[in-house]
Amino acid sequence: MAMESLTSTNTVDRAALPPRPHVVLVASPGAGHLIPTAELARRLVAHHGLAATLVTFPDPSAPSAAAPSSVLSSLGAAGVSTAALPAVALDDLPADAHIETVLLELIGRSIPHLRAMLRNIRSSARLAALVPDFFCSTVLPLAAELGVPAYIFFPGNLTTLSLMRSAVELNDGAAPGELRDLHADALRLPGGVSLRREDYGDGFQDSKAPVYTHLIEEGRRYRAADGFLVNTFHDIEPATVEELEQVVEQGTFPPAYPVGPLVRPSSDEDDVSSACLDLEWLDRQPAGSVVYVSFGSAGALSVEQTAELAAGLEHSGHRFLWVVRMPSLHGENSDMGKSHRRGEDDPLAYLPDGFLERTSGRSLAVASWAPQVRVLSHRATAAFVSHCGWNSTLESVAHGVPMVAWPLYAEQGVNATVLSQNVGVALRLRARADGLIAREEIAAAVRELMDGKEKGRAVRCRAGYLREAAARACAPGGSSWQMLKEVAGKWTAATLGRQEQ
């Protein structure tokens, strides 16, 4: 009887508890934005006593993979609510509008719908904070309207955020037509990184380009945020963490909290993996023998470059698993925002004649997509030829897999520079004068990473160290865990304070 009475009292006490403080996260379209935002929401709910809703926008292009839908479907079991904003008209935009322009227009035109959704959530929940991702700074005023703090989720690294801050501060007071370029030849970043102009990222190359204006406007709006939640961790960017702490003391930029690596569990991919990749092939390979090759959900190579990659992998002599995407026919390195031909053509048909037959004993080529976390966590996977998207980078780091760095677009040149120069977990490929990365360069890098006694061994050892450091950062009491706990505590305390007023 005493046990029954105690159980009944506990049940009543739980039912009488006020609802958890509620955080709304807003993810811009794209798997690289959605996946880490979803993982952030999951951790806020599972580890830090909050409720969360993840808001998504309609994707302006056809989805290129099933992974984002599997991520969303997994959130319900984790206690995270999801909400999709309705479509808005974009047919007045030019057909050749840059993807950043399209995304910013989509987000801006969706603000009335988001405002209504937030007010509806507030009517039934203790709204604690608004967390838009880095593309969604135009929604920051909604937090002020609702009287809650706003934190920007930055799915990239602190070095990229530092680059953005440098560009914004360089252009303080400058009108749109008078914006100034970043340093002409190279930019010195924390940690001894020297960033070449060609690695600044697509948007920072030319101050006269519309996308540069958009980025500066975004960066200026960042200053209205209460802070940044950044998908990185201390041991991968220690000098940049320290530099941004000093910036905060000067009052020029909001504080940045490293809360990563936000890497999804491999179980999120289970519902689609069997249709996209025969994982039994990996199971049959010796431990530490396979080179994984993938350029993310939007990376694209030319037909000629695809042929060079095929030849380089073949000549390397190593086993490989290659996720082959449709080649670009017009020289683009990114397929983001483009849906033409993607559902009609077979990427494997663009491989060189006889390639699949000649490598059939030691290779597997799959079309378009693979369950990447499951591949990187597999005992057979030893190296990753990667575009250095930050999502893919952290997935590789979290599983101790060293990289061959092959950046294609956006901030991937920044990431590749940091990973090869500063962090030491990647070997950087270099292109010829005509922009092509030759088969000899590819084969040599793969061999060095797999078998090398000097550079290769150093990179492999560094990857093993960072795997352990990443696990420590996210474990209870680790640096990233504590950072997220600190922010969640601020939100909870502020919510209680507003209730008492």
Protein backbone atom coordinates (compact mmCIF):
# COMPACT_ATOMS: atom_id res chain seq x y z
CA MET A 1 0.00 0.00 0.00
CA ALA A 2 2.80 2.40 0.83
CA MET A 3 4.39 1.76 -2.58
CA GLU A 4 1.06 2.34 -4.35
CA SER A 5 0.54 5.60 -2.45
CA LEU A 6 4.04 6.83 -3.36
CA THR A 7 3.55 5.98 -7.02
CA SER A 8 0.23 7.78 -7.13
CA THR A 9 1.70 10.89 -5.49
CA ASN A 10 4.59 10.99 -7.97
CA THR A 11 2.18 10.74 -10.88
CA VAL A 12 0.11 13.63 -9.58
CA ASP A 13 3.24 15.71 -8.97
CA ARG A 14 4.43 15.19 -12.54
CA ALA A 15 1.06 16.09 -13.97
CA ALA A 16 1.03 19.27 -11.88
CA LEU A 17 4.42 20.41 -13.15
CA PRO A 18 4.33 23.39 -15.53
CA PRO A 19 5.14 22.64 -19.17
CA ARG A 20 8.77 22.70 -20.21
CA PRO A 21 10.16 25.96 -21.60
CA HIS A 22 9.63 25.78 -25.37
CA VAL A 23 12.27 26.62 -27.99
CA VAL A 24 11.41 27.14 -31.65
CA LEU A 25 14.20 26.38 -34.14
CA VAL A 26 13.94 27.54 -37.76
CA ALA A 27 15.91 25.63 -40.41
CA SER A 28 16.45 27.00 -43.91
CA PRO A 29 16.16 24.52 -46.82
CA GLY A 30 19.01 22.12 -47.51
CA ALA A 31 20.17 18.91 -45.85
CA GLY A 32 23.32 20.61 -44.55
CA HIS A 33 21.17 23.08 -42.62
CA LEU A 34 18.33 20.78 -41.57
CA ILE A 35 20.33 17.83 -40.25
CA PRO A 36 22.41 19.65 -37.59
CA THR A 37 19.44 21.85 -36.58
CA ALA A 38 17.39 18.71 -36.00
CA GLU A 39 20.17 17.21 -33.89
CA LEU A 40 20.40 20.43 -31.87
CA ALA A 41 16.64 20.24 -31.20
CA ARG A 42 16.96 16.61 -30.16
CA ARG A 43 19.69 17.38 -27.63
CA LEU A 44 17.85 20.34 -26.14
CA VAL A 45 14.90 18.05 -25.44
CA ALA A 46 16.77 14.92 -24.40
CA HIS A 47 19.54 16.46 -22.29
CA HIS A 48 18.53 19.94 -21.15
CA GLY A 49 14.89 19.85 -20.07
CA LEU A 50 13.34 21.85 -22.90
CA ALA A 51 10.53 21.29 -25.35
CA ALA A 52 11.25 22.10 -28.99
CA THR A 53 9.56 22.66 -32.33
CA LEU A 54 11.57 22.54 -35.56
CA VAL A 55 10.10 24.74 -38.29
CA THR A 56 10.97 24.07 -41.93
CA PHE A 57 10.39 25.89 -45.21
CA PRO A 58 9.28 24.36 -48.50
CA ASP A 59 12.38 23.45 -50.51
CA PRO A 60 12.58 25.63 -53.64
CA SER A 61 14.20 22.75 -55.53
CA ALA A 62 13.29 19.09 -55.71
CA PRO A 63 14.83 17.13 -52.82
CA SER A 64 17.94 15.28 -53.92
CA ALA A 65 17.83 12.62 -51.24
CA ALA A 66 15.55 10.85 -48.84
CA ALA A 67 17.75 11.67 -45.84
CA PRO A 68 16.05 14.93 -44.78
CA SER A 69 12.63 13.26 -44.58
CA SER A 70 14.11 10.45 -42.48
CA VAL A 71 15.61 13.04 -40.13
CA LEU A 72 12.24 14.73 -39.65
CA SER A 73 10.43 11.44 -39.13
CA SER A 74 12.92 10.48 -36.42
CA LEU A 75 12.25 13.61 -34.38
CA GLY A 76 8.79 12.56 -33.22
CA ALA A 77 10.24 9.64 -31.28
CA ALA A 78 12.77 12.05 -29.75
CA GLY A 79 10.01 14.32 -28.43
CA VAL A 80 10.62 17.15 -30.92
CA SER A 81 7.64 18.63 -32.74
CA THR A 82 7.93 19.62 -36.39
CA ALA A 83 6.02 22.21 -38.37
CA ALA A 84 6.20 23.06 -42.07
CA LEU A 85 5.48 26.57 -43.32
CA PRO A 86 3.24 26.85 -46.39
CA ALA A 87 4.66 27.52 -49.83
CA VAL A 88 5.05 31.11 -51.02
CA ALA A 89 5.17 32.41 -54.58
CA LEU A 90 8.67 32.78 -56.04
CA ASP A 91 7.83 32.73 -59.75
CA ASP A 92 8.63 36.44 -60.10
CA LEU A 93 12.34 35.81 -59.44
CA PRO A 94 14.70 35.57 -62.43
CA ALA A 95 15.28 32.04 -63.67
CA ASP A 96 19.03 32.43 -63.08
CA ALA A 97 18.69 33.90 -59.58
CA HIS A 98 21.52 32.82 -57.25
CA ILE A 99 20.47 30.20 -54.72
CA GLU A 100 21.24 32.57 -51.81
CA THR A 101 18.87 35.14 -53.34
CA VAL A 102 16.15 32.51 -53.72
CA LEU A 103 16.53 31.34 -50.12
CA LEU A 104 16.50 34.84 -48.70
CA GLU A 105 13.36 35.71 -50.68
CA LEU A 106 11.69 32.49 -49.57
CA ILE A 107 12.46 33.20 -45.92
CA GLY A 108 11.47 36.87 -46.10
CA ARG A 109 8.14 36.13 -47.78
CA SER A 110 7.39 33.41 -45.20
CA ILE A 111 7.71 35.72 -42.18
CA PRO A 112 3.92 36.41 -41.87
CA HIS A 113 3.27 32.65 -41.73
CA LEU A 114 6.05 32.17 -39.18
CA ARG A 115 4.73 35.03 -37.05
CA ALA A 116 1.29 33.43 -36.92
CA MET A 117 2.80 30.06 -36.06
CA LEU A 118 4.91 31.49 -33.23
CA ARG A 119 1.94 33.31 -31.74
CA ASN A 120 -0.04 30.09 -31.84
CA ILE A 121 2.77 28.21 -30.06
CA ARG A 122 3.05 30.97 -27.45
CA SER A 123 -0.67 30.72 -26.69
CA SER A 124 -0.26 27.15 -25.47
CA ALA A 125 3.39 26.90 -24.37
CA ARG A 126 6.06 28.72 -22.33
CA LEU A 127 7.97 30.15 -25.28
CA ALA A 128 11.58 30.48 -24.17
CA ALA A 129 13.66 31.33 -27.25
CA LEU A 130 13.74 31.60 -31.03
CA VAL A 131 16.68 29.92 -32.78
CA PRO A 132 16.82 30.63 -36.54
CA ASP A 133 19.71 29.26 -38.53
CA PHE A 134 22.33 31.50 -40.16
CA PHE A 135 20.28 32.06 -43.33
CA CYS A 136 17.21 33.18 -41.37
CA SER A 137 18.42 36.38 -39.70
CA THR A 138 15.44 38.27 -41.16
CA VAL A 139 13.22 36.51 -38.61
CA LEU A 140 15.14 37.92 -35.61
CA PRO A 141 12.67 40.82 -35.11
CA LEU A 142 9.95 38.24 -34.37
CA ALA A 143 11.79 37.33 -31.17
CA ALA A 144 11.67 40.96 -30.06
CA GLU A 145 7.95 41.10 -30.86
CA LEU A 146 7.35 38.06 -28.66
CA GLY A 147 9.70 39.21 -25.90
CA VAL A 148 12.04 36.19 -26.05
CA PRO A 149 15.79 35.89 -26.69
CA ALA A 150 17.05 35.08 -30.18
CA TYR A 151 20.10 32.92 -30.81
CA ILE A 152 21.40 32.18 -34.31
CA PHE A 153 22.32 28.59 -35.03
CA PHE A 154 25.46 28.54 -37.17
CA PRO A 155 25.83 25.08 -38.76
CA GLY A 156 29.35 25.89 -39.99
CA ASN A 157 32.49 26.46 -37.97
CA LEU A 158 33.84 29.39 -35.98
CA THR A 159 36.41 30.18 -38.66
CA THR A 160 33.67 30.85 -41.20
CA LEU A 161 31.84 32.97 -38.63
CA SER A 162 35.10 34.87 -38.04
CA LEU A 163 35.39 35.46 -41.80
CA MET A 164 31.84 36.85 -41.85
CA ARG A 165 32.64 39.12 -38.91
CA SER A 166 35.77 40.40 -40.67
CA ALA A 167 33.76 41.28 -43.79
CA VAL A 168 31.05 43.03 -41.76
CA GLU A 169 33.50 45.08 -39.71
CA LEU A 170 35.44 46.01 -42.86
CA ASN A 171 32.22 47.44 -44.28
CA ASP A 172 30.87 49.24 -41.21
CA GLY A 173 29.21 52.40 -42.44
CA ALA A 174 29.56 51.51 -46.14
CA ALA A 175 26.54 51.89 -48.42
CA PRO A 176 25.51 48.94 -50.67
CA GLY A 177 27.29 50.37 -53.71
CA GLU A 178 30.44 51.15 -51.73
CA LEU A 179 31.22 47.79 -50.13
CA ARG A 180 34.88 46.89 -49.77
CA ASP A 181 36.58 43.62 -50.69
CA LEU A 182 38.35 41.47 -48.15
CA HIS A 183 42.14 41.45 -48.37
CA ALA A 184 43.29 40.97 -51.95
CA ASP A 185 45.69 38.05 -51.59
CA ALA A 186 45.32 36.28 -48.25
CA LEU A 187 43.57 36.71 -44.93
CA ARG A 188 45.18 35.73 -41.65
CA LEU A 189 42.79 33.91 -39.35
CA PRO A 190 43.21 32.64 -35.78
CA GLY A 191 45.37 29.58 -35.28
CA GLY A 192 47.90 30.57 -37.93
CA VAL A 193 45.56 29.89 -40.84
CA SER A 194 46.35 31.82 -44.02
CA LEU A 195 43.25 31.85 -46.19
CA ARG A 196 43.81 32.40 -49.90
CA ARG A 197 41.38 34.60 -51.79
CA GLU A 198 40.09 31.68 -53.88
CA ASP A 199 39.12 29.93 -50.64
CA TYR A 200 37.08 32.78 -49.18
CA GLY A 201 33.86 31.21 -50.42
CA ASP A 202 31.61 32.02 -53.36
CA GLY A 203 29.92 34.97 -51.71
CA PHE A 204 33.07 36.80 -50.58
CA GLN A 205 34.96 36.82 -53.87
CA ASP A 206 33.59 40.05 -55.33
CA SER A 207 32.26 43.02 -53.36
CA LYS A 208 30.28 44.17 -56.43
CA ALA A 209 28.28 40.94 -56.67
CA PRO A 210 24.70 40.94 -55.27
CA VAL A 211 25.42 37.92 -53.11
CA TYR A 212 28.19 39.84 -51.29
CA THR A 213 25.67 42.57 -50.44
CA HIS A 214 23.26 39.90 -49.14
CA LEU A 215 25.97 38.39 -46.94
CA ILE A 216 26.97 41.73 -45.46
CA GLU A 217 23.32 42.49 -44.71
CA GLU A 218 22.98 39.08 -43.05
CA GLY A 219 26.11 39.70 -40.97
CA ARG A 220 24.88 43.11 -39.86
CA ARG A 221 21.60 41.58 -38.69
CA TYR A 222 23.57 39.03 -36.66
CA ARG A 223 24.49 41.78 -34.24
CA ALA A 224 20.87 41.91 -33.06
CA ALA A 225 21.08 38.31 -31.81
CA ASP A 226 21.74 37.41 -28.20
CA GLY A 227 24.30 34.83 -29.23
CA PHE A 228 25.37 32.09 -31.64
CA LEU A 229 25.11 28.35 -31.19
CA VAL A 230 27.92 27.02 -33.40
CA ASN A 231 28.30 23.46 -34.70
CA THR A 232 31.91 23.01 -33.63
CA PHE A 233 33.88 22.13 -30.50
CA HIS A 234 36.82 23.58 -28.66
CA ASP A 235 39.54 21.11 -29.60
CA ILE A 236 39.02 21.51 -33.35
CA GLU A 237 39.23 25.35 -33.29
CA PRO A 238 40.83 26.41 -29.97
CA ALA A 239 42.44 29.62 -31.25
CA THR A 240 39.22 30.81 -32.88
CA VAL A 241 37.24 30.10 -29.71
CA GLU A 242 39.64 32.30 -27.77
CA GLU A 243 39.60 35.06 -30.39
CA LEU A 244 35.81 35.28 -30.43
CA GLU A 245 35.75 35.43 -26.64
CA GLN A 246 37.91 38.56 -26.89
CA VAL A 247 35.57 40.02 -29.53
CA VAL A 248 32.64 39.59 -27.15
CA GLU A 249 34.52 41.51 -24.46
CA GLN A 250 34.92 44.37 -26.96
CA GLY A 251 31.16 44.36 -27.56
CA THR A 252 31.39 44.15 -31.36
CA PHE A 253 29.69 40.78 -31.90
CA PRO A 254 27.36 38.49 -29.90
CA PRO A 255 28.92 35.63 -27.91
CA ALA A 256 29.48 32.31 -29.68
CA TYR A 257 28.86 28.99 -27.94
CA PRO A 258 30.50 25.89 -29.50
CA VAL A 259 27.90 23.12 -29.01
CA GLY A 260 28.98 20.48 -31.54
CA PRO A 261 29.67 18.21 -33.17
CA LEU A 262 25.95 17.82 -33.88
CA VAL A 263 26.13 14.50 -35.71
CA ARG A 264 22.94 12.50 -36.23
CA PRO A 265 22.74 8.88 -35.09
CA SER A 266 23.10 6.33 -37.87
CA SER A 267 19.64 4.97 -36.98
CA ASP A 268 18.14 8.04 -38.69
CA GLU A 269 19.20 6.54 -42.00
CA ASP A 270 17.89 3.02 -41.53
CA ASP A 271 14.63 3.47 -43.42
CA VAL A 272 16.35 4.41 -46.66
CA SER A 273 19.73 2.70 -46.50
CA SER A 274 18.62 -0.64 -47.89
CA ALA A 275 17.31 1.01 -51.05
CA CYS A 276 20.47 3.04 -51.67
CA LEU A 277 23.42 0.92 -50.65
CA ASP A 278 24.21 -2.74 -50.22
CA LEU A 279 25.89 -2.47 -46.81
CA GLU A 280 26.74 -6.15 -46.99
CA TRP A 281 29.43 -5.16 -49.49
CA LEU A 282 31.14 -3.13 -46.75
CA ASP A 283 30.75 -6.02 -44.33
CA ARG A 284 32.75 -8.24 -46.67
CA GLN A 285 35.73 -5.83 -46.85
CA PRO A 286 38.74 -6.05 -44.51
CA ALA A 287 38.87 -3.60 -41.62
CA GLY A 288 40.37 -0.23 -42.54
CA SER A 289 40.55 -0.96 -46.27
CA VAL A 290 37.90 1.18 -47.99
CA VAL A 291 38.09 4.76 -49.27
CA TYR A 292 34.69 6.45 -49.16
CA VAL A 293 34.11 9.06 -51.89
CA SER A 294 31.21 11.51 -51.72
CA PHE A 295 30.60 15.19 -52.44
CA GLY A 296 27.49 15.75 -50.39
CA SER A 297 23.90 16.41 -51.38
CA ALA A 298 24.71 19.18 -53.88
CA GLY A 299 28.32 18.76 -55.06
CA ALA A 300 28.85 18.34 -58.79
CA LEU A 301 31.88 17.52 -60.95
CA SER A 302 32.25 18.07 -64.67
CA VAL A 303 32.19 15.06 -66.99
CA GLU A 304 35.96 15.46 -67.52
CA GLN A 305 36.64 15.73 -63.79
CA THR A 306 34.47 12.68 -63.12
CA ALA A 307 36.65 10.72 -65.55
CA GLU A 308 39.84 11.92 -63.81
CA LEU A 309 38.45 10.90 -60.43
CA ALA A 310 37.55 7.47 -61.76
CA ALA A 311 41.06 7.02 -63.16
CA GLY A 312 42.66 8.24 -59.93
CA LEU A 313 40.66 5.82 -57.80
CA GLU A 314 41.41 2.97 -60.17
CA HIS A 315 45.15 3.73 -60.20
CA SER A 316 45.35 4.13 -56.42
CA GLY A 317 45.05 0.37 -56.03
CA HIS A 318 42.72 0.69 -53.03
CA ARG A 319 39.17 -0.46 -52.41
CA PHE A 320 36.60 2.33 -52.67
CA LEU A 321 32.92 3.10 -52.25
CA TRP A 322 31.92 6.01 -54.51
CA VAL A 323 28.62 7.88 -54.32
CA VAL A 324 28.32 9.05 -57.92
CA ARG A 325 26.19 12.11 -58.62
CA MET A 326 25.08 13.53 -61.93
CA PRO A 327 27.94 15.48 -63.53
CA SER A 328 27.56 19.13 -64.29
CA LEU A 329 27.38 19.91 -68.00
CA HIS A 330 28.02 23.65 -67.67
CA GLY A 331 30.93 23.89 -65.26
CA GLU A 332 29.03 24.39 -61.99
CA ASN A 333 30.44 22.85 -58.82
CA SER A 334 27.09 22.89 -57.06
CA ASP A 335 23.74 21.38 -57.96
CA MET A 336 21.97 23.27 -55.17
CA GLY A 337 18.67 24.72 -56.32
CA LYS A 338 18.69 22.75 -59.58
CA SER A 339 16.34 19.84 -60.15
CA HIS A 340 16.61 19.37 -63.93
CA ARG A 341 17.70 15.92 -65.15
CA ARG A 342 18.23 14.65 -61.61
CA GLY A 343 15.35 12.23 -61.58
CA GLU A 344 15.76 11.13 -65.18
CA ASP A 345 19.40 10.23 -65.80
CA ASP A 346 21.62 7.52 -64.33
CA PRO A 347 24.87 9.02 -62.92
CA LEU A 348 26.68 5.72 -63.39
CA ALA A 349 26.16 6.01 -67.15
CA TYR A 350 28.64 8.92 -67.17
CA LEU A 351 31.51 6.84 -65.80
CA PRO A 352 34.31 5.91 -68.26
CA ASP A 353 33.77 2.86 -70.43
CA GLY A 354 34.88 -0.32 -68.71
CA PHE A 355 35.56 1.38 -65.35
CA LEU A 356 32.99 -0.58 -63.37
CA GLU A 357 34.10 -3.87 -64.90
CA ARG A 358 37.81 -3.22 -64.26
CA THR A 359 37.23 -2.30 -60.60
CA SER A 360 34.40 -4.72 -59.83
CA GLY A 361 36.47 -6.83 -57.47
CA ARG A 362 37.35 -3.96 -55.15
CA SER A 363 34.81 -1.19 -55.63
CA LEU A 364 31.17 -0.26 -55.26
CA ALA A 365 29.65 2.69 -57.11
CA VAL A 366 26.17 3.81 -56.04
CA ALA A 367 23.97 6.47 -57.58
CA SER A 368 23.33 9.79 -55.83
CA TRP A 369 23.11 8.94 -52.13
CA ALA A 370 24.34 6.65 -49.35
CA PRO A 371 23.72 6.49 -45.58
CA GLN A 372 26.88 8.43 -44.82
CA VAL A 373 27.02 8.12 -41.04
CA ARG A 374 26.64 4.36 -41.32
CA VAL A 375 29.42 4.23 -43.90
CA LEU A 376 31.79 6.43 -41.90
CA SER A 377 31.16 4.46 -38.71
CA HIS A 378 31.79 1.11 -40.43
CA ARG A 379 34.93 -0.80 -39.45
CA ALA A 380 35.94 -1.15 -43.12
CA THR A 381 36.02 2.59 -43.85
CA ALA A 382 39.51 4.09 -43.55
CA ALA A 383 39.44 7.39 -45.49
CA PHE A 384 37.02 9.91 -46.94
CA VAL A 385 37.45 11.86 -50.19
CA SER A 386 35.21 14.78 -49.27
CA HIS A 387 33.95 18.16 -50.47
CA CYS A 388 34.51 19.38 -46.88
CA GLY A 389 30.97 20.48 -46.21
CA TRP A 390 30.95 21.04 -42.47
CA ASN A 391 28.25 18.43 -41.83
CA SER A 392 30.29 15.78 -43.63
CA THR A 393 33.47 17.00 -41.93
CA LEU A 394 32.04 16.56 -38.44
CA GLU A 395 30.58 13.17 -39.32
CA SER A 396 34.07 12.13 -40.44
CA VAL A 397 35.78 13.62 -37.39
CA ALA A 398 33.29 12.03 -34.99
CA HIS A 399 34.19 8.60 -36.38
CA GLY A 400 37.94 9.17 -36.65
CA VAL A 401 38.11 9.01 -40.45
CA PRO A 402 40.87 11.16 -42.07
CA MET A 403 40.05 13.06 -45.25
CA VAL A 404 41.27 13.97 -48.70
CA ALA A 405 40.01 17.56 -49.01
CA TRP A 406 38.31 18.46 -52.31
CA PRO A 407 36.27 21.67 -51.76
CA LEU A 408 33.75 22.64 -54.43
CA TYR A 409 31.64 25.67 -53.44
CA ALA A 410 30.34 27.92 -50.64
CA GLU A 411 32.57 27.94 -47.54
CA GLN A 412 34.17 24.58 -48.33
CA GLY A 413 37.49 26.22 -49.26
CA VAL A 414 37.61 27.73 -45.77
CA ASN A 415 36.90 24.33 -44.24
CA ALA A 416 39.52 22.58 -46.37
CA THR A 417 42.15 25.15 -45.40
CA VAL A 418 41.39 24.76 -41.70
CA LEU A 419 41.31 20.96 -41.89
CA SER A 420 44.61 20.64 -43.78
CA GLN A 421 46.62 23.60 -42.41
CA ASN A 422 45.46 23.89 -38.84
CA VAL A 423 43.53 20.85 -37.65
CA GLY A 424 45.67 18.31 -39.48
CA VAL A 425 42.98 15.75 -40.35
CA ALA A 426 43.06 16.18 -44.14
CA LEU A 427 45.38 16.17 -47.14
CA ARG A 428 44.48 18.93 -49.60
CA LEU A 429 44.27 18.25 -53.33
CA ARG A 430 45.65 20.89 -55.69
CA ALA A 431 44.25 21.62 -59.13
CA ARG A 432 46.24 22.23 -62.29
CA ALA A 433 46.34 25.64 -63.95
CA ASP A 434 43.24 24.72 -65.96
CA GLY A 435 41.31 23.97 -62.76
CA LEU A 436 41.26 20.20 -63.20
CA ILE A 437 42.49 17.90 -60.43
CA ALA A 438 44.57 15.28 -62.21
CA ARG A 439 44.29 11.52 -61.74
CA GLU A 440 47.91 11.36 -60.56
CA GLU A 441 47.17 13.87 -57.80
CA ILE A 442 44.12 11.91 -56.68
CA ALA A 443 45.88 8.52 -56.70
CA ALA A 444 48.88 9.91 -54.80
CA ALA A 445 46.70 11.51 -52.10
CA VAL A 446 44.70 8.32 -51.59
CA ARG A 447 47.85 6.22 -51.31
CA GLU A 448 49.45 8.68 -48.86
CA LEU A 449 46.38 8.80 -46.66
CA MET A 450 46.00 5.02 -46.62
CA ASP A 451 49.65 3.92 -46.49
CA GLY A 452 51.87 6.97 -45.93
CA LYS A 453 54.52 6.78 -43.22
CA GLU A 454 54.85 10.55 -42.69
CA LYS A 455 52.04 12.88 -43.73
CA GLY A 456 49.51 10.09 -43.99
CA ARG A 457 50.40 8.65 -40.60
CA ALA A 458 50.22 12.10 -38.96
CA VAL A 459 46.77 12.75 -40.42
CA ARG A 460 45.51 9.32 -39.34
CA CYS A 461 46.78 9.84 -35.80
CA ARG A 462 45.25 13.29 -35.61
CA ALA A 463 41.89 11.92 -36.77
CA GLY A 464 41.98 9.35 -33.98
CA TYR A 465 42.72 12.02 -31.38
CA LEU A 466 39.90 14.27 -32.57
CA ARG A 467 37.40 11.41 -32.51
CA GLU A 468 38.07 11.06 -28.79
CA ALA A 469 37.99 14.83 -28.27
CA ALA A 470 34.64 15.11 -30.06
CA ALA A 471 33.15 12.37 -27.88
CA ARG A 472 34.42 14.09 -24.73
CA ALA A 473 32.99 17.46 -25.82
CA CYS A 474 29.45 16.08 -26.19
CA ALA A 475 29.46 13.83 -23.12
CA PRO A 476 27.95 15.07 -19.84
CA GLY A 477 30.34 17.63 -18.40
CA GLY A 478 32.19 18.10 -21.71
CA SER A 479 32.85 21.53 -23.20
CA SER A 480 30.00 21.48 -25.74
CA TRP A 481 27.59 19.88 -23.29
CA GLN A 482 28.34 22.62 -20.74
CA MET A 483 27.92 25.37 -23.33
CA LEU A 484 24.47 24.12 -24.32
CA LYS A 485 23.54 23.60 -20.69
CA GLU A 486 24.53 27.21 -19.94
CA VAL A 487 22.36 28.61 -22.75
CA ALA A 488 19.40 26.35 -21.91
CA GLY A 489 19.69 27.47 -18.29
CA LYS A 490 19.54 31.12 -19.35
CA TRP A 491 16.41 30.47 -21.41
CA THR A 492 14.72 28.61 -18.55
CA ALA A 493 15.58 31.29 -15.99
CA ALA A 494 14.34 34.07 -18.28
CA THR A 495 11.09 32.21 -18.87
CA LEU A 496 10.48 31.85 -15.15
CA GLY A 497 11.33 35.52 -14.66
CA ARG A 498 8.77 36.59 -17.26
CA GLN A 499 6.10 34.43 -15.58
CA GLU A 500 6.72 36.09 -12.22
CA GLN A 501 6.32 39.59 -13.62
